[in-house]
Amino acid sequence: MKSVLTIQERLKDLRVERGLSLEELSKETGISSSALSSYENNEDKDISLNSILTLAGFYNVSTDYLLGLTEINKSSVADISELKLDDETIDTLKKGKINSRLLCEIIKNENFVDFMSDMEIYVDGLAEMQIRNLNSLVSNMRTKIMQQYEVSDSDHYLRTLKACEISETDYFSRLVFEDIIEIAKSIKESHHRDTETGDANNPLDDVINIVEDYKKSSDPMKATLATLSRQLGMNFNKMETSEVLFFKTIVEKYSTVYRNMLPKKGRGKK
């Protein structure tokens, strides 16, 4: 997953999180659905100041968050001293060497408290004495059986008792692993449709829907070129005539999708 979302991704995520279609958002904000669509899909599209203020107000986020200048989406921010982080930790976060967005999702996960609790128990050795006492009890029992019944240490039942002894490190390794894997699985599931942005829609679904519309278009080639350009992050309207002609030649020669949209010429048809 990306560590930082683009303005387009932020706008789409905010809308999808609230379960709104472009048409519904348009009714709520007074911004046309075509403009909202271009804001979410076209990186070259300039967003007016009025639209930024309107969308920030509607989503109840700061304009800095909407513009990608901060990951904090609320206007009011707690003083950094309240977080009780040391200087080294703050410097590490500032350097951007870790995925802060993923770190935030880990911390917000419902299993994170259990993970931190188990880590604290292990680091502080809070269970060390209890585990040592249990192992001592099992060891004394083995010794007593060996002396009373004169059996070898390699006896099956004595080896079973030996296997009952607990390694503190092994025990907490498994426990902490179970905690963190539950967190990882939960986050992975929330992003299973798009491993980078977590979008609810597969971009290919949009393409398929557009292709269906093109079948009714009077100029399917122009529609195809415009859509392919958008999917590839190119601005079709800024292309030179020679570039459009070259693009058109490539599509006509290699695109089976485009050829399938053309009227079929069968027997008896002209």
C-alpha atoms as a PDB file:
ATOM      1  CA  MET A   1       0.000   0.000   0.000  1.00  0.00           C
ATOM      2  CA  LYS A   2       1.153   3.540  -0.744  1.00  0.00           C
ATOM      3  CA  SER A   3       2.568   5.583   2.126  1.00  0.00           C
ATOM      4  CA  VAL A   4       1.010   8.795   0.777  1.00  0.00           C
ATOM      5  CA  LEU A   5      -2.231   9.190  -1.163  1.00  0.00           C
ATOM      6  CA  THR A   6      -2.637  11.595  -4.058  1.00  0.00           C
ATOM      7  CA  ILE A   7      -5.325  14.279  -4.019  1.00  0.00           C
ATOM      8  CA  GLN A   8      -7.347  12.166  -6.451  1.00  0.00           C
ATOM      9  CA  GLU A   9      -7.092   9.090  -4.207  1.00  0.00           C
ATOM     10  CA  ARG A  10      -8.016  11.060  -1.092  1.00  0.00           C
ATOM     11  CA  LEU A  11     -11.118  12.458  -2.753  1.00  0.00           C
ATOM     12  CA  LYS A  12     -12.224   9.036  -3.978  1.00  0.00           C
ATOM     13  CA  ASP A  13     -11.527   7.335  -0.646  1.00  0.00           C
ATOM     14  CA  LEU A  14     -13.501   9.967   1.271  1.00  0.00           C
ATOM     15  CA  ARG A  15     -16.471   9.541  -1.057  1.00  0.00           C
ATOM     16  CA  VAL A  16     -16.353   5.728  -1.032  1.00  0.00           C
ATOM     17  CA  GLU A  17     -16.013   5.648   2.771  1.00  0.00           C
ATOM     18  CA  ARG A  18     -19.332   7.489   2.993  1.00  0.00           C
ATOM     19  CA  GLY A  19     -20.991   5.253   0.414  1.00  0.00           C
ATOM     20  CA  LEU A  20     -21.791   8.089  -1.982  1.00  0.00           C
ATOM     21  CA  SER A  21     -22.029   7.980  -5.750  1.00  0.00           C
ATOM     22  CA  LEU A  22     -20.757  10.926  -7.793  1.00  0.00           C
ATOM     23  CA  GLU A  23     -24.342  11.979  -8.470  1.00  0.00           C
ATOM     24  CA  GLU A  24     -25.216  11.909  -4.748  1.00  0.00           C
ATOM     25  CA  LEU A  25     -22.106  13.887  -3.856  1.00  0.00           C
ATOM     26  CA  SER A  26     -22.979  16.405  -6.558  1.00  0.00           C
ATOM     27  CA  LYS A  27     -26.407  16.975  -5.006  1.00  0.00           C
ATOM     28  CA  GLU A  28     -24.853  17.426  -1.555  1.00  0.00           C
ATOM     29  CA  THR A  29     -22.103  19.850  -2.614  1.00  0.00           C
ATOM     30  CA  GLY A  30     -23.486  21.621  -5.680  1.00  0.00           C
ATOM     31  CA  ILE A  31     -20.409  20.595  -7.704  1.00  0.00           C
ATOM     32  CA  SER A  32     -21.210  18.896 -11.014  1.00  0.00           C
ATOM     33  CA  SER A  33     -20.687  15.127 -11.146  1.00  0.00           C
ATOM     34  CA  SER A  34     -18.461  15.516 -14.226  1.00  0.00           C
ATOM     35  CA  ALA A  35     -16.197  17.903 -12.323  1.00  0.00           C
ATOM     36  CA  LEU A  36     -16.110  15.557  -9.307  1.00  0.00           C
ATOM     37  CA  SER A  37     -15.209  12.648 -11.597  1.00  0.00           C
ATOM     38  CA  SER A  38     -12.364  14.595 -13.177  1.00  0.00           C
ATOM     39  CA  TYR A  39     -11.102  15.628  -9.720  1.00  0.00           C
ATOM     40  CA  GLU A  40     -10.851  11.939  -8.765  1.00  0.00           C
ATOM     41  CA  ASN A  41      -9.383  10.600 -12.016  1.00  0.00           C
ATOM     42  CA  ASN A  42      -7.435  13.316 -13.824  1.00  0.00           C
ATOM     43  CA  GLU A  43      -4.148  14.362 -12.200  1.00  0.00           C
ATOM     44  CA  ASP A  44      -3.864  17.269 -14.656  1.00  0.00           C
ATOM     45  CA  LYS A  45      -7.242  18.688 -13.668  1.00  0.00           C
ATOM     46  CA  ASP A  46      -6.965  21.891 -11.622  1.00  0.00           C
ATOM     47  CA  ILE A  47      -9.329  21.949  -8.653  1.00  0.00           C
ATOM     48  CA  SER A  48     -10.806  25.364  -7.941  1.00  0.00           C
ATOM     49  CA  LEU A  49     -10.322  26.915  -4.501  1.00  0.00           C
ATOM     50  CA  ASN A  50     -14.090  27.012  -4.032  1.00  0.00           C
ATOM     51  CA  SER A  51     -14.351  23.261  -4.723  1.00  0.00           C
ATOM     52  CA  ILE A  52     -11.513  22.493  -2.288  1.00  0.00           C
ATOM     53  CA  LEU A  53     -13.186  24.504   0.467  1.00  0.00           C
ATOM     54  CA  THR A  54     -16.585  22.987  -0.300  1.00  0.00           C
ATOM     55  CA  LEU A  55     -15.317  19.379  -0.275  1.00  0.00           C
ATOM     56  CA  ALA A  56     -13.180  19.918   2.841  1.00  0.00           C
ATOM     57  CA  GLY A  57     -16.193  21.351   4.637  1.00  0.00           C
ATOM     58  CA  PHE A  58     -18.498  18.550   3.467  1.00  0.00           C
ATOM     59  CA  TYR A  59     -16.067  15.785   4.522  1.00  0.00           C
ATOM     60  CA  ASN A  60     -15.144  17.663   7.716  1.00  0.00           C
ATOM     61  CA  VAL A  61     -11.418  17.485   6.979  1.00  0.00           C
ATOM     62  CA  SER A  62      -8.732  20.139   6.754  1.00  0.00           C
ATOM     63  CA  THR A  63      -7.797  21.581   3.371  1.00  0.00           C
ATOM     64  CA  ASP A  64      -4.170  20.583   4.070  1.00  0.00           C
ATOM     65  CA  TYR A  65      -5.289  16.957   4.352  1.00  0.00           C
ATOM     66  CA  LEU A  66      -7.272  17.196   1.133  1.00  0.00           C
ATOM     67  CA  LEU A  67      -4.236  18.637  -0.674  1.00  0.00           C
ATOM     68  CA  GLY A  68      -1.917  15.922   0.662  1.00  0.00           C
ATOM     69  CA  LEU A  69       0.097  18.288   2.865  1.00  0.00           C
ATOM     70  CA  THR A  70      -0.667  16.299   6.029  1.00  0.00           C
ATOM     71  CA  GLU A  71      -2.015  12.903   7.070  1.00  0.00           C
ATOM     72  CA  ILE A  72      -4.057  14.492   9.864  1.00  0.00           C
ATOM     73  CA  ASN A  73      -7.529  15.114   8.518  1.00  0.00           C
ATOM     74  CA  LYS A  74      -9.017  17.045  11.426  1.00  0.00           C
ATOM     75  CA  SER A  75      -8.627  20.787  11.852  1.00  0.00           C
ATOM     76  CA  SER A  76      -7.778  20.573  15.556  1.00  0.00           C
ATOM     77  CA  VAL A  77      -4.505  18.775  16.299  1.00  0.00           C
ATOM     78  CA  ALA A  78      -3.237  17.688  19.713  1.00  0.00           C
ATOM     79  CA  ASP A  79       0.105  19.091  20.867  1.00  0.00           C
ATOM     80  CA  ILE A  80       2.904  16.690  19.935  1.00  0.00           C
ATOM     81  CA  SER A  81       4.040  16.560  23.571  1.00  0.00           C
ATOM     82  CA  GLU A  82       0.755  14.851  24.464  1.00  0.00           C
ATOM     83  CA  LEU A  83       1.798  11.850  22.355  1.00  0.00           C
ATOM     84  CA  LYS A  84       4.724  11.161  24.725  1.00  0.00           C
ATOM     85  CA  LEU A  85       7.088  10.259  21.891  1.00  0.00           C
ATOM     86  CA  ASP A  86      10.839  10.686  22.305  1.00  0.00           C
ATOM     87  CA  ASP A  87      12.996  12.728  19.927  1.00  0.00           C
ATOM     88  CA  GLU A  88      14.444   9.687  18.147  1.00  0.00           C
ATOM     89  CA  THR A  89      10.983   8.311  17.369  1.00  0.00           C
ATOM     90  CA  ILE A  90       9.807  11.674  16.037  1.00  0.00           C
ATOM     91  CA  ASP A  91      12.937  11.964  13.871  1.00  0.00           C
ATOM     92  CA  THR A  92      12.338   8.444  12.490  1.00  0.00           C
ATOM     93  CA  LEU A  93       8.775   9.325  11.525  1.00  0.00           C
ATOM     94  CA  LYS A  94       9.879  12.613   9.948  1.00  0.00           C
ATOM     95  CA  LYS A  95      12.488  10.896   7.765  1.00  0.00           C
ATOM     96  CA  GLY A  96       9.723   8.998   5.990  1.00  0.00           C
ATOM     97  CA  LYS A  97      11.634   5.724   5.890  1.00  0.00           C
ATOM     98  CA  ILE A  98       8.620   3.794   7.152  1.00  0.00           C
ATOM     99  CA  ASN A  99       5.097   3.652   5.773  1.00  0.00           C
ATOM    100  CA  SER A 100       3.344   6.000   8.221  1.00  0.00           C
ATOM    101  CA  ARG A 101      -0.041   5.237   6.705  1.00  0.00           C
ATOM    102  CA  LEU A 102       0.406   1.522   7.393  1.00  0.00           C
ATOM    103  CA  LEU A 103       1.683   2.296  10.899  1.00  0.00           C
ATOM    104  CA  CYS A 104      -1.495   4.280  11.585  1.00  0.00           C
ATOM    105  CA  GLU A 105      -3.660   1.363  10.450  1.00  0.00           C
ATOM    106  CA  ILE A 106      -1.716  -1.036  12.681  1.00  0.00           C
ATOM    107  CA  ILE A 107      -2.182   1.205  15.715  1.00  0.00           C
ATOM    108  CA  LYS A 108      -5.892   1.715  15.018  1.00  0.00           C
ATOM    109  CA  ASN A 109      -6.533  -2.026  14.653  1.00  0.00           C
ATOM    110  CA  GLU A 110      -8.660  -3.545  17.427  1.00  0.00           C
ATOM    111  CA  ASN A 111      -6.008  -6.244  18.064  1.00  0.00           C
ATOM    112  CA  PHE A 112      -3.197  -3.731  18.607  1.00  0.00           C
ATOM    113  CA  VAL A 113      -3.953  -3.322  22.324  1.00  0.00           C
ATOM    114  CA  ASP A 114      -3.569  -7.089  22.856  1.00  0.00           C
ATOM    115  CA  PHE A 115      -0.307  -7.042  20.909  1.00  0.00           C
ATOM    116  CA  MET A 116       1.112  -4.231  23.049  1.00  0.00           C
ATOM    117  CA  SER A 117      -0.074  -5.920  26.244  1.00  0.00           C
ATOM    118  CA  ASP A 118       1.638  -9.228  25.368  1.00  0.00           C
ATOM    119  CA  MET A 119       4.800  -7.359  24.349  1.00  0.00           C
ATOM    120  CA  GLU A 120       4.830  -5.524  27.673  1.00  0.00           C
ATOM    121  CA  ILE A 121       4.352  -8.755  29.643  1.00  0.00           C
ATOM    122  CA  TYR A 122       7.312 -10.330  27.838  1.00  0.00           C
ATOM    123  CA  VAL A 123       9.643  -7.306  27.959  1.00  0.00           C
ATOM    124  CA  ASP A 124       8.960  -6.656  31.656  1.00  0.00           C
ATOM    125  CA  GLY A 125       9.260 -10.363  32.503  1.00  0.00           C
ATOM    126  CA  LEU A 126       5.893 -10.314  34.252  1.00  0.00           C
ATOM    127  CA  ALA A 127       5.243 -13.994  33.483  1.00  0.00           C
ATOM    128  CA  GLU A 128       8.848 -15.142  33.897  1.00  0.00           C
ATOM    129  CA  MET A 129       8.462 -16.222  37.537  1.00  0.00           C
ATOM    130  CA  GLN A 130       5.242 -18.140  36.894  1.00  0.00           C
ATOM    131  CA  ILE A 131       6.759 -19.994  33.928  1.00  0.00           C
ATOM    132  CA  ARG A 132       9.894 -20.780  35.957  1.00  0.00           C
ATOM    133  CA  ASN A 133       7.749 -22.157  38.803  1.00  0.00           C
ATOM    134  CA  LEU A 134       5.763 -24.357  36.408  1.00  0.00           C
ATOM    135  CA  ASN A 135       8.945 -25.725  34.835  1.00  0.00           C
ATOM    136  CA  SER A 136      10.419 -26.358  38.284  1.00  0.00           C
ATOM    137  CA  LEU A 137       7.314 -28.281  39.314  1.00  0.00           C
ATOM    138  CA  VAL A 138       7.491 -30.492  36.196  1.00  0.00           C
ATOM    139  CA  SER A 139      11.234 -31.036  36.663  1.00  0.00           C
ATOM    140  CA  ASN A 140      10.827 -32.059  40.332  1.00  0.00           C
ATOM    141  CA  MET A 141       8.083 -34.486  39.343  1.00  0.00           C
ATOM    142  CA  ARG A 142      10.357 -36.112  36.751  1.00  0.00           C
ATOM    143  CA  THR A 143      13.196 -36.442  39.246  1.00  0.00           C
ATOM    144  CA  LYS A 144      10.916 -37.998  41.856  1.00  0.00           C
ATOM    145  CA  ILE A 145       9.573 -40.571  39.361  1.00  0.00           C
ATOM    146  CA  MET A 146      13.106 -41.466  38.211  1.00  0.00           C
ATOM    147  CA  GLN A 147      14.289 -42.012  41.782  1.00  0.00           C
ATOM    148  CA  GLN A 148      11.187 -43.847  42.993  1.00  0.00           C
ATOM    149  CA  TYR A 149      10.743 -46.188  40.038  1.00  0.00           C
ATOM    150  CA  GLU A 150      14.345 -46.289  38.801  1.00  0.00           C
ATOM    151  CA  VAL A 151      13.480 -45.524  35.218  1.00  0.00           C
ATOM    152  CA  SER A 152      15.724 -43.988  32.576  1.00  0.00           C
ATOM    153  CA  ASP A 153      15.514 -40.364  31.565  1.00  0.00           C
ATOM    154  CA  SER A 154      14.797 -41.627  28.046  1.00  0.00           C
ATOM    155  CA  ASP A 155      11.564 -43.267  29.208  1.00  0.00           C
ATOM    156  CA  HIS A 156       8.600 -42.293  27.034  1.00  0.00           C
ATOM    157  CA  TYR A 157       6.534 -40.851  29.893  1.00  0.00           C
ATOM    158  CA  LEU A 158       9.452 -38.942  31.370  1.00  0.00           C
ATOM    159  CA  ARG A 159      10.213 -37.452  27.969  1.00  0.00           C
ATOM    160  CA  THR A 160       6.541 -36.449  27.752  1.00  0.00           C
ATOM    161  CA  LEU A 161       6.926 -34.564  31.027  1.00  0.00           C
ATOM    162  CA  LYS A 162      10.096 -32.949  29.695  1.00  0.00           C
ATOM    163  CA  ALA A 163       8.158 -31.752  26.659  1.00  0.00           C
ATOM    164  CA  CYS A 164       5.684 -30.067  29.013  1.00  0.00           C
ATOM    165  CA  GLU A 165       8.313 -27.592  30.158  1.00  0.00           C
ATOM    166  CA  ILE A 166       7.725 -24.145  28.694  1.00  0.00           C
ATOM    167  CA  SER A 167      10.252 -21.843  27.035  1.00  0.00           C
ATOM    168  CA  GLU A 168       9.289 -18.266  27.806  1.00  0.00           C
ATOM    169  CA  THR A 169      10.719 -17.034  24.497  1.00  0.00           C
ATOM    170  CA  ASP A 170       8.967 -19.766  22.473  1.00  0.00           C
ATOM    171  CA  TYR A 171       5.677 -19.130  24.273  1.00  0.00           C
ATOM    172  CA  PHE A 172       5.683 -15.368  23.700  1.00  0.00           C
ATOM    173  CA  SER A 173       7.021 -15.723  20.159  1.00  0.00           C
ATOM    174  CA  ARG A 174       3.902 -17.678  19.281  1.00  0.00           C
ATOM    175  CA  LEU A 175       1.629 -15.350  21.250  1.00  0.00           C
ATOM    176  CA  VAL A 176       3.028 -12.142  19.731  1.00  0.00           C
ATOM    177  CA  PHE A 177       3.021 -13.737  16.264  1.00  0.00           C
ATOM    178  CA  GLU A 178      -0.671 -14.589  16.616  1.00  0.00           C
ATOM    179  CA  ASP A 179      -1.389 -10.991  17.655  1.00  0.00           C
ATOM    180  CA  ILE A 180       0.476  -9.385  14.774  1.00  0.00           C
ATOM    181  CA  ILE A 181      -0.767 -11.834  12.123  1.00  0.00           C
ATOM    182  CA  GLU A 182      -4.373 -11.029  13.086  1.00  0.00           C
ATOM    183  CA  ILE A 183      -3.599  -7.348  12.644  1.00  0.00           C
ATOM    184  CA  ALA A 184      -1.884  -7.975   9.296  1.00  0.00           C
ATOM    185  CA  LYS A 185      -4.740 -10.183   8.018  1.00  0.00           C
ATOM    186  CA  SER A 186      -7.326  -7.577   8.986  1.00  0.00           C
ATOM    187  CA  ILE A 187      -5.481  -4.766   7.197  1.00  0.00           C
ATOM    188  CA  LYS A 188      -4.821  -6.965   4.165  1.00  0.00           C
ATOM    189  CA  GLU A 189      -8.509  -7.842   3.944  1.00  0.00           C
ATOM    190  CA  SER A 190      -9.501  -4.172   4.054  1.00  0.00           C
ATOM    191  CA  HIS A 191      -7.204  -3.541   1.055  1.00  0.00           C
ATOM    192  CA  HIS A 192      -7.776  -6.759  -0.886  1.00  0.00           C
ATOM    193  CA  ARG A 193      -9.399  -4.988  -3.831  1.00  0.00           C
ATOM    194  CA  ASP A 194      -6.550  -2.545  -4.310  1.00  0.00           C
ATOM    195  CA  THR A 195      -3.221  -3.244  -2.601  1.00  0.00           C
ATOM    196  CA  GLU A 196      -2.067   0.340  -2.967  1.00  0.00           C
ATOM    197  CA  THR A 197      -4.987   2.609  -2.273  1.00  0.00           C
ATOM    198  CA  GLY A 198      -7.743   0.493  -0.812  1.00  0.00           C
ATOM    199  CA  ASP A 199     -10.244   1.729  -3.390  1.00  0.00           C
ATOM    200  CA  ALA A 200     -13.525  -0.139  -3.299  1.00  0.00           C
ATOM    201  CA  ASN A 201     -13.714  -0.303  -7.092  1.00  0.00           C
ATOM    202  CA  ASN A 202     -11.495  -2.166  -9.498  1.00  0.00           C
ATOM    203  CA  PRO A 203     -10.296   0.246 -12.237  1.00  0.00           C
ATOM    204  CA  LEU A 204     -10.993  -2.461 -14.825  1.00  0.00           C
ATOM    205  CA  ASP A 205     -14.680  -2.343 -13.878  1.00  0.00           C
ATOM    206  CA  ASP A 206     -14.775   1.296 -14.996  1.00  0.00           C
ATOM    207  CA  VAL A 207     -13.137   0.394 -18.293  1.00  0.00           C
ATOM    208  CA  ILE A 208     -15.638  -2.399 -18.951  1.00  0.00           C
ATOM    209  CA  ASN A 209     -18.571  -0.066 -18.265  1.00  0.00           C
ATOM    210  CA  ILE A 210     -17.111   2.593 -20.557  1.00  0.00           C
ATOM    211  CA  VAL A 211     -16.545   0.052 -23.333  1.00  0.00           C
ATOM    212  CA  GLU A 212     -20.215  -0.874 -23.167  1.00  0.00           C
ATOM    213  CA  ASP A 213     -21.107   2.787 -23.591  1.00  0.00           C
ATOM    214  CA  TYR A 214     -18.763   3.085 -26.550  1.00  0.00           C
ATOM    215  CA  LYS A 215     -20.832   0.582 -28.496  1.00  0.00           C
ATOM    216  CA  LYS A 216     -23.462   3.312 -28.708  1.00  0.00           C
ATOM    217  CA  SER A 217     -20.949   6.090 -29.467  1.00  0.00           C
ATOM    218  CA  SER A 218     -20.797   7.750 -32.890  1.00  0.00           C
ATOM    219  CA  ASP A 219     -17.002   7.990 -32.583  1.00  0.00           C
ATOM    220  CA  PRO A 220     -15.763   4.922 -30.685  1.00  0.00           C
ATOM    221  CA  MET A 221     -12.121   5.575 -31.653  1.00  0.00           C
ATOM    222  CA  LYS A 222     -12.025   8.988 -29.996  1.00  0.00           C
ATOM    223  CA  ALA A 223     -13.752   7.594 -26.915  1.00  0.00           C
ATOM    224  CA  THR A 224     -11.271   4.701 -26.803  1.00  0.00           C
ATOM    225  CA  LEU A 225      -8.235   6.972 -27.057  1.00  0.00           C
ATOM    226  CA  ALA A 226      -9.573   9.317 -24.367  1.00  0.00           C
ATOM    227  CA  THR A 227     -10.229   6.439 -21.965  1.00  0.00           C
ATOM    228  CA  LEU A 228      -6.900   4.723 -22.558  1.00  0.00           C
ATOM    229  CA  SER A 229      -5.147   8.049 -21.999  1.00  0.00           C
ATOM    230  CA  ARG A 230      -6.933   8.536 -18.684  1.00  0.00           C
ATOM    231  CA  GLN A 231      -6.104   5.017 -17.523  1.00  0.00           C
ATOM    232  CA  LEU A 232      -2.434   5.580 -18.415  1.00  0.00           C
ATOM    233  CA  GLY A 233      -2.315   8.974 -16.700  1.00  0.00           C
ATOM    234  CA  MET A 234      -1.989  10.927 -19.960  1.00  0.00           C
ATOM    235  CA  ASN A 235      -3.890  14.071 -20.929  1.00  0.00           C
ATOM    236  CA  PHE A 236      -5.521  13.269 -24.270  1.00  0.00           C
ATOM    237  CA  ASN A 237      -6.577  16.888 -24.834  1.00  0.00           C
ATOM    238  CA  LYS A 238      -2.952  18.057 -24.723  1.00  0.00           C
ATOM    239  CA  MET A 239      -1.727  15.615 -27.394  1.00  0.00           C
ATOM    240  CA  GLU A 240      -0.413  16.956 -30.676  1.00  0.00           C
ATOM    241  CA  THR A 241      -2.210  15.897 -33.869  1.00  0.00           C
ATOM    242  CA  SER A 242       0.720  13.698 -34.877  1.00  0.00           C
ATOM    243  CA  GLU A 243       0.674  12.010 -31.451  1.00  0.00           C
ATOM    244  CA  VAL A 244      -3.052  11.321 -31.716  1.00  0.00           C
ATOM    245  CA  LEU A 245      -2.593   9.784 -35.169  1.00  0.00           C
ATOM    246  CA  PHE A 246       0.236   7.560 -33.879  1.00  0.00           C
ATOM    247  CA  PHE A 247      -1.864   6.537 -30.867  1.00  0.00           C
ATOM    248  CA  LYS A 248      -4.808   5.784 -33.164  1.00  0.00           C
ATOM    249  CA  THR A 249      -2.629   3.616 -35.439  1.00  0.00           C
ATOM    250  CA  ILE A 250      -1.438   1.509 -32.491  1.00  0.00           C
ATOM    251  CA  VAL A 251      -4.985   0.999 -31.170  1.00  0.00           C
ATOM    252  CA  GLU A 252      -6.387   0.083 -34.606  1.00  0.00           C
ATOM    253  CA  LYS A 253      -3.609  -2.435 -35.186  1.00  0.00           C
ATOM    254  CA  TYR A 254      -3.405  -4.170 -31.815  1.00  0.00           C
ATOM    255  CA  SER A 255      -6.565  -3.529 -29.791  1.00  0.00           C
ATOM    256  CA  THR A 256      -9.008  -6.450 -29.988  1.00  0.00           C
ATOM    257  CA  VAL A 257     -11.345  -4.544 -27.671  1.00  0.00           C
ATOM    258  CA  TYR A 258     -11.671  -1.716 -30.177  1.00  0.00           C
ATOM    259  CA  ARG A 259     -12.159  -4.083 -33.108  1.00  0.00           C
ATOM    260  CA  ASN A 260     -14.919  -5.902 -31.212  1.00  0.00           C
ATOM    261  CA  MET A 261     -16.794  -2.610 -30.804  1.00  0.00           C
ATOM    262  CA  LEU A 262     -16.915  -2.024 -34.546  1.00  0.00           C
ATOM    263  CA  PRO A 263     -20.017  -3.121 -36.510  1.00  0.00           C
ATOM    264  CA  LYS A 264     -19.642  -6.694 -37.746  1.00  0.00           C
ATOM    265  CA  LYS A 265     -19.657  -7.287 -41.510  1.00  0.00           C
ATOM    266  CA  GLY A 266     -21.239 -10.660 -42.126  1.00  0.00           C
ATOM    267  CA  ARG A 267     -22.636 -12.337 -45.206  1.00  0.00           C
ATOM    268  CA  GLY A 268     -25.196 -10.123 -46.888  1.00  0.00           C
ATOM    269  CA  LYS A 269     -24.035  -7.052 -44.965  1.00  0.00           C
ATOM    270  CA  LYS A 270     -22.258  -4.069 -46.443  1.00  0.00           C
END
